[in-house]
Amino acid sequence: MKRRELVFAALGLLLLLAGAREIPIPYIGAQQTILDDGCRTPMTALTPLGVNTRGSIVVFHGLSANRRIMLRLGEQLTDTIDRVYLLDLPGHGDSTEPFSFARAEECAARAVATLARRGEINPDTTTLVGHSMGGAIAIRLADHFPVLTTVAISPAPLVLPRRMPSNLLVFSAQYDLPILKRAATALFQAAGGDRKTSEDFRQRRAFELDRVPHATHTSLIYDPKVSAQAIEWISESKGGEVGWVLREIEPHLPPRPLLGSVLGLCGLFLLFPLCASLCSMVFRPCVPNSATPRHMEDL
């Protein structure tokens, strides 16, 4: 066994440990179910493990999407220490209901009302999050189910509700369709501009339109800056007492799976020479020292 092999092995172990820290460790429990809400809405519930949830978030997807597309955003939103519900609207994902915008809005309202009736969500600690069509639905639910906070990501054009949603955050992409940009601007005008003081949040009248540069309609739901701002907004709506609590449990930068995989692979390569030497020592074939030639045995 050479000294160089030991040095390489030590470096390999360090790289494996560094890589393991970058691989995300699941800290979210997922439960699949179908709501008995008259629409048989398929639902995924995400719950942070090891902590007591302090609220709930209901997520609505956009047109031609489903709850699985919103899964990454939902997992990130659990950093608010809220339980996150991802729904399939009619005609999408696993839903067997026929689609129309009116039916999608009706089933979304039924799902939220069912969760409230079962005691799984409380309007005073609930956030509605939606993308595109789902964003428009989340805003329009203000007339049916007033909640603490609403986050609309590139919302579709809509007929404004009679009342503005509480603590509304709207994202608009730089490269979004003009009609969607106009929808976001209409919300900005209806709200009377940005309002982000502590008093605005306390009175549930806070509003912000965030125009995200270099973003598209779809990229917004995968943008970590968007989810981070949404988490901060939800935290402010709750008085700033929550948000990023899981980072106290895991006090390191957000996981980077690709970097972790590369570090782990390099570590395995450095460990290989030592492993090969050990295997050759353990499994070395045993040859008798005083082997008698076969032709001598015949004499």
Protein backbone atom coordinates (compact mmCIF):
# COMPACT_ATOMS: atom_id res chain seq x y z
CA MET A 1 0.00 0.00 0.00
CA LYS A 2 1.57 3.26 -1.12
CA ARG A 3 1.50 6.53 0.74
CA ARG A 4 0.16 8.26 -2.34
CA GLU A 5 -2.85 5.96 -2.32
CA LEU A 6 -3.62 6.91 1.30
CA VAL A 7 -3.43 10.61 0.46
CA PHE A 8 -5.76 10.17 -2.52
CA ALA A 9 -8.17 8.15 -0.37
CA ALA A 10 -8.26 10.87 2.29
CA LEU A 11 -9.02 13.49 -0.34
CA GLY A 12 -11.67 11.22 -1.83
CA LEU A 13 -13.45 10.86 1.52
CA LEU A 14 -13.46 14.64 1.96
CA LEU A 15 -14.97 15.09 -1.49
CA LEU A 16 -17.62 12.45 -0.77
CA LEU A 17 -18.59 14.22 2.45
CA ALA A 18 -18.69 17.59 0.69
CA GLY A 19 -20.81 16.12 -2.08
CA ALA A 20 -23.22 14.55 0.40
CA ARG A 21 -23.87 17.95 1.97
CA GLU A 22 -24.94 19.32 -1.40
CA ILE A 23 -27.44 16.53 -2.11
CA PRO A 24 -30.86 17.59 -0.81
CA ILE A 25 -32.07 15.44 2.06
CA PRO A 26 -35.85 14.96 2.00
CA TYR A 27 -37.43 16.80 4.93
CA ILE A 28 -40.91 16.92 3.46
CA GLY A 29 -43.62 14.34 3.86
CA ALA A 30 -45.93 13.95 0.84
CA GLN A 31 -49.46 12.58 0.93
CA GLN A 32 -51.60 11.89 -2.15
CA THR A 33 -55.38 12.00 -1.86
CA ILE A 34 -58.61 12.92 -3.65
CA LEU A 35 -60.79 15.54 -2.01
CA ASP A 36 -64.46 14.77 -1.45
CA ASP A 37 -65.45 18.26 -2.60
CA GLY A 38 -67.93 17.46 -5.36
CA CYS A 39 -65.17 17.72 -7.97
CA ARG A 40 -63.01 14.83 -6.75
CA THR A 41 -59.97 17.09 -6.82
CA PRO A 42 -56.62 15.21 -6.81
CA MET A 43 -54.32 16.72 -4.20
CA THR A 44 -50.75 16.40 -2.94
CA ALA A 45 -50.10 17.61 0.62
CA LEU A 46 -46.52 18.52 1.57
CA THR A 47 -45.66 18.77 5.26
CA PRO A 48 -42.28 19.80 6.73
CA LEU A 49 -41.04 16.96 8.92
CA GLY A 50 -39.87 17.51 12.47
CA VAL A 51 -41.57 20.90 12.94
CA ASN A 52 -45.04 22.13 13.78
CA THR A 53 -46.68 23.78 10.79
CA ARG A 54 -47.91 27.33 11.40
CA GLY A 55 -50.24 27.77 8.46
CA SER A 56 -51.15 26.49 5.03
CA ILE A 57 -50.58 27.31 1.37
CA VAL A 58 -52.86 26.20 -1.48
CA VAL A 59 -51.23 26.14 -4.92
CA PHE A 60 -53.09 26.34 -8.24
CA HIS A 61 -51.37 25.47 -11.53
CA GLY A 62 -51.83 27.16 -14.90
CA LEU A 63 -53.51 26.13 -18.14
CA SER A 64 -52.17 22.84 -19.63
CA ALA A 65 -50.19 22.18 -16.44
CA ASN A 66 -50.79 20.10 -13.31
CA ARG A 67 -49.82 19.82 -9.67
CA ARG A 68 -46.62 17.91 -10.49
CA ILE A 69 -45.27 20.88 -12.42
CA MET A 70 -45.83 23.00 -9.30
CA LEU A 71 -44.12 20.46 -7.03
CA ARG A 72 -40.72 22.17 -6.92
CA LEU A 73 -42.30 25.50 -6.02
CA GLY A 74 -44.43 23.76 -3.40
CA GLU A 75 -41.38 22.14 -1.81
CA GLN A 76 -39.65 25.50 -1.60
CA LEU A 77 -42.71 27.10 -0.04
CA THR A 78 -42.56 24.65 2.88
CA ASP A 79 -39.71 26.83 4.16
CA THR A 80 -42.49 29.04 5.55
CA ILE A 81 -43.29 26.18 7.97
CA ASP A 82 -46.66 25.91 6.26
CA ARG A 83 -48.35 22.81 4.96
CA VAL A 84 -48.62 23.08 1.18
CA TYR A 85 -51.52 21.70 -0.85
CA LEU A 86 -51.05 21.18 -4.60
CA LEU A 87 -54.28 20.70 -6.57
CA ASP A 88 -55.17 19.37 -10.02
CA LEU A 89 -57.88 21.57 -11.54
CA PRO A 90 -60.58 20.13 -13.87
CA GLY A 91 -59.25 18.76 -17.15
CA HIS A 92 -55.66 18.72 -15.88
CA GLY A 93 -53.38 16.15 -14.32
CA ASP A 94 -55.33 13.34 -12.66
CA SER A 95 -58.64 15.22 -12.59
CA THR A 96 -61.51 13.54 -14.42
CA GLU A 97 -63.68 16.67 -14.44
CA PRO A 98 -64.36 18.41 -17.80
CA PHE A 99 -62.52 21.70 -18.16
CA SER A 100 -63.83 25.22 -18.39
CA PHE A 101 -62.47 28.29 -16.64
CA ALA A 102 -65.72 28.66 -14.69
CA ARG A 103 -65.58 25.00 -13.63
CA ALA A 104 -61.89 25.33 -12.65
CA GLU A 105 -62.69 28.34 -10.47
CA GLU A 106 -65.70 26.57 -8.94
CA CYS A 107 -63.69 23.44 -8.10
CA ALA A 108 -60.84 25.52 -6.68
CA ALA A 109 -63.33 27.27 -4.39
CA ARG A 110 -64.88 23.93 -3.42
CA ALA A 111 -61.47 22.44 -2.62
CA VAL A 112 -60.46 25.36 -0.41
CA ALA A 113 -63.85 25.33 1.36
CA THR A 114 -63.56 21.57 1.94
CA LEU A 115 -60.09 21.91 3.46
CA ALA A 116 -61.41 24.67 5.73
CA ARG A 117 -64.46 22.63 6.75
CA ARG A 118 -62.20 19.69 7.64
CA GLY A 119 -60.05 21.98 9.77
CA GLU A 120 -56.93 21.51 7.64
CA ILE A 121 -56.63 25.19 6.78
CA ASN A 122 -57.51 28.41 8.60
CA PRO A 123 -58.25 31.53 6.51
CA ASP A 124 -56.30 33.69 8.97
CA THR A 125 -53.10 31.70 8.30
CA THR A 126 -53.67 30.59 4.70
CA THR A 127 -51.94 31.74 1.52
CA LEU A 128 -53.24 31.16 -2.01
CA VAL A 129 -50.56 30.82 -4.71
CA GLY A 130 -51.31 30.49 -8.40
CA HIS A 131 -49.55 30.59 -11.75
CA SER A 132 -51.19 31.95 -14.93
CA MET A 133 -54.79 30.66 -14.89
CA GLY A 134 -54.20 29.55 -11.30
CA GLY A 135 -53.03 33.06 -10.41
CA ALA A 136 -56.26 34.53 -11.75
CA ILE A 137 -58.27 31.97 -9.80
CA ALA A 138 -56.33 32.70 -6.59
CA ILE A 139 -57.16 36.41 -6.98
CA ARG A 140 -60.84 35.83 -7.78
CA LEU A 141 -61.26 33.59 -4.72
CA ALA A 142 -61.00 36.76 -2.61
CA ASP A 143 -64.78 37.13 -3.05
CA HIS A 144 -65.44 33.57 -1.88
CA PHE A 145 -62.69 32.75 0.61
CA PRO A 146 -60.73 35.73 2.01
CA VAL A 147 -57.30 34.60 3.21
CA LEU A 148 -54.20 36.13 4.79
CA THR A 149 -52.07 36.37 1.64
CA THR A 150 -52.30 35.86 -2.12
CA VAL A 151 -49.37 35.34 -4.52
CA ALA A 152 -50.19 35.54 -8.25
CA ILE A 153 -47.38 34.49 -10.61
CA SER A 154 -47.96 35.95 -14.09
CA PRO A 155 -51.76 35.86 -13.64
CA ALA A 156 -54.01 35.38 -16.67
CA PRO A 157 -56.38 38.18 -17.68
CA LEU A 158 -59.37 38.22 -15.37
CA VAL A 159 -62.47 40.04 -14.29
CA LEU A 160 -61.37 41.71 -11.06
CA PRO A 161 -63.12 40.53 -7.88
CA ARG A 162 -65.31 42.92 -5.92
CA ARG A 163 -62.62 43.12 -3.26
CA MET A 164 -58.84 43.07 -3.66
CA PRO A 165 -57.14 40.02 -2.15
CA SER A 166 -55.37 40.52 1.16
CA ASN A 167 -51.63 41.22 0.95
CA LEU A 168 -51.38 40.58 -2.79
CA LEU A 169 -47.99 39.93 -4.43
CA VAL A 170 -47.93 39.81 -8.24
CA PHE A 171 -45.04 38.66 -10.43
CA SER A 172 -44.76 39.68 -14.07
CA ALA A 173 -42.08 38.33 -16.44
CA GLN A 174 -40.08 40.60 -18.73
CA TYR A 175 -40.69 38.31 -21.72
CA ASP A 176 -44.31 37.56 -20.90
CA LEU A 177 -47.11 38.01 -23.43
CA PRO A 178 -48.34 41.63 -23.68
CA ILE A 179 -51.85 40.62 -22.59
CA LEU A 180 -50.42 39.14 -19.37
CA LYS A 181 -48.34 42.24 -18.71
CA ARG A 182 -51.47 44.35 -19.12
CA ALA A 183 -53.30 42.10 -16.64
CA ALA A 184 -50.55 42.67 -14.06
CA THR A 185 -50.62 46.44 -14.69
CA ALA A 186 -54.41 46.47 -14.24
CA LEU A 187 -53.98 44.88 -10.82
CA PHE A 188 -51.33 47.46 -9.95
CA GLN A 189 -53.70 50.29 -10.88
CA ALA A 190 -56.66 48.73 -9.07
CA ALA A 191 -54.59 48.39 -5.91
CA GLY A 192 -53.41 52.01 -6.10
CA GLY A 193 -49.72 51.13 -6.40
CA ASP A 194 -47.24 49.37 -4.17
CA ARG A 195 -47.86 49.36 -0.42
CA LYS A 196 -45.37 47.43 1.70
CA THR A 197 -45.19 48.96 5.17
CA SER A 198 -45.74 46.93 8.33
CA GLU A 199 -49.05 48.71 8.83
CA ASP A 200 -50.15 47.74 5.32
CA PHE A 201 -49.46 44.10 6.10
CA ARG A 202 -51.21 44.34 9.45
CA GLN A 203 -54.33 45.77 7.81
CA ARG A 204 -54.04 43.20 4.98
CA ARG A 205 -53.86 45.85 2.26
CA ALA A 206 -50.23 45.35 1.20
CA PHE A 207 -49.55 45.10 -2.53
CA GLU A 208 -46.50 44.74 -4.75
CA LEU A 209 -45.99 44.22 -8.48
CA ASP A 210 -42.59 42.67 -9.11
CA ARG A 211 -41.48 42.81 -12.74
CA VAL A 212 -38.88 40.06 -13.03
CA PRO A 213 -36.12 40.78 -15.60
CA HIS A 214 -34.88 38.13 -18.07
CA ALA A 215 -37.82 35.87 -17.15
CA THR A 216 -40.51 34.10 -19.16
CA HIS A 217 -44.03 33.04 -18.31
CA THR A 218 -42.91 29.53 -17.36
CA SER A 219 -39.49 30.25 -15.87
CA LEU A 220 -41.07 32.20 -13.01
CA ILE A 221 -42.31 29.03 -11.29
CA TYR A 222 -38.78 27.58 -11.29
CA ASP A 223 -36.95 30.79 -10.36
CA PRO A 224 -35.49 30.51 -6.81
CA LYS A 225 -35.60 34.31 -6.49
CA VAL A 226 -39.35 34.27 -7.07
CA SER A 227 -39.94 31.58 -4.45
CA ALA A 228 -37.61 33.38 -2.01
CA GLN A 229 -39.51 36.64 -2.42
CA ALA A 230 -42.83 34.83 -2.06
CA ILE A 231 -41.58 33.26 1.18
CA GLU A 232 -40.48 36.65 2.49
CA TRP A 233 -43.84 38.18 1.55
CA ILE A 234 -45.74 35.42 3.36
CA SER A 235 -43.49 35.91 6.38
CA GLU A 236 -44.20 39.66 6.40
CA SER A 237 -47.93 38.93 6.19
CA LYS A 238 -47.60 36.90 9.37
CA GLY A 239 -45.78 39.67 11.17
CA GLY A 240 -42.28 38.54 10.24
CA GLU A 241 -42.19 35.80 12.89
CA VAL A 242 -41.75 32.97 10.37
CA GLY A 243 -39.77 32.35 7.24
CA TRP A 244 -36.58 30.45 6.58
CA VAL A 245 -36.99 28.58 9.87
CA LEU A 246 -35.82 25.35 8.29
CA ARG A 247 -32.54 27.05 7.50
CA GLU A 248 -31.93 27.14 11.26
CA ILE A 249 -32.27 23.37 11.30
CA GLU A 250 -29.98 23.00 8.27
CA PRO A 251 -27.70 26.07 8.52
CA HIS A 252 -26.03 25.85 5.12
CA LEU A 253 -26.64 27.19 1.65
CA PRO A 254 -29.47 25.67 -0.39
CA PRO A 255 -28.56 22.21 -1.75
CA ARG A 256 -26.87 22.00 -5.17
CA PRO A 257 -27.48 18.44 -6.44
CA LEU A 258 -25.32 18.76 -9.58
CA LEU A 259 -22.32 20.03 -7.63
CA GLY A 260 -22.82 17.28 -5.03
CA SER A 261 -22.88 14.60 -7.73
CA VAL A 262 -19.66 15.89 -9.33
CA LEU A 263 -17.85 16.06 -5.98
CA GLY A 264 -18.99 12.55 -5.10
CA LEU A 265 -17.84 11.15 -8.44
CA CYS A 266 -14.39 12.75 -8.02
CA GLY A 267 -14.20 11.30 -4.53
CA LEU A 268 -14.90 7.80 -5.83
CA PHE A 269 -12.16 8.13 -8.43
CA LEU A 270 -9.64 9.12 -5.76
CA LEU A 271 -10.69 6.22 -3.55
CA PHE A 272 -10.32 3.66 -6.35
CA PRO A 273 -6.48 3.11 -6.14
CA LEU A 274 -6.63 2.31 -2.42
CA CYS A 275 -9.65 0.03 -2.89
CA ALA A 276 -7.89 -1.79 -5.72
CA SER A 277 -4.77 -2.34 -3.59
CA LEU A 278 -6.82 -3.66 -0.66
CA CYS A 279 -8.73 -6.02 -2.92
CA SER A 280 -5.51 -7.37 -4.43
CA MET A 281 -4.15 -8.02 -0.93
CA VAL A 282 -7.29 -9.74 0.32
CA PHE A 283 -8.05 -11.81 -2.76
CA ARG A 284 -4.44 -12.63 -3.80
CA PRO A 285 -4.36 -16.24 -5.09
CA CYS A 286 -2.51 -18.71 -2.86
CA VAL A 287 0.23 -20.64 -4.70
CA PRO A 288 2.14 -23.35 -2.75
CA ASN A 289 5.85 -22.47 -2.46
CA SER A 290 7.00 -26.11 -2.88
CA ALA A 291 4.79 -27.12 -5.71
CA THR A 292 5.95 -30.40 -7.25
CA PRO A 293 6.07 -30.37 -11.03
CA ARG A 294 3.55 -32.81 -12.47
CA HIS A 295 6.15 -34.62 -14.59
CA MET A 296 8.25 -35.32 -11.47
CA GLU A 297 5.31 -37.09 -9.82
CA ASP A 298 5.28 -39.63 -12.63
CA LEU A 299 8.91 -40.72 -11.98
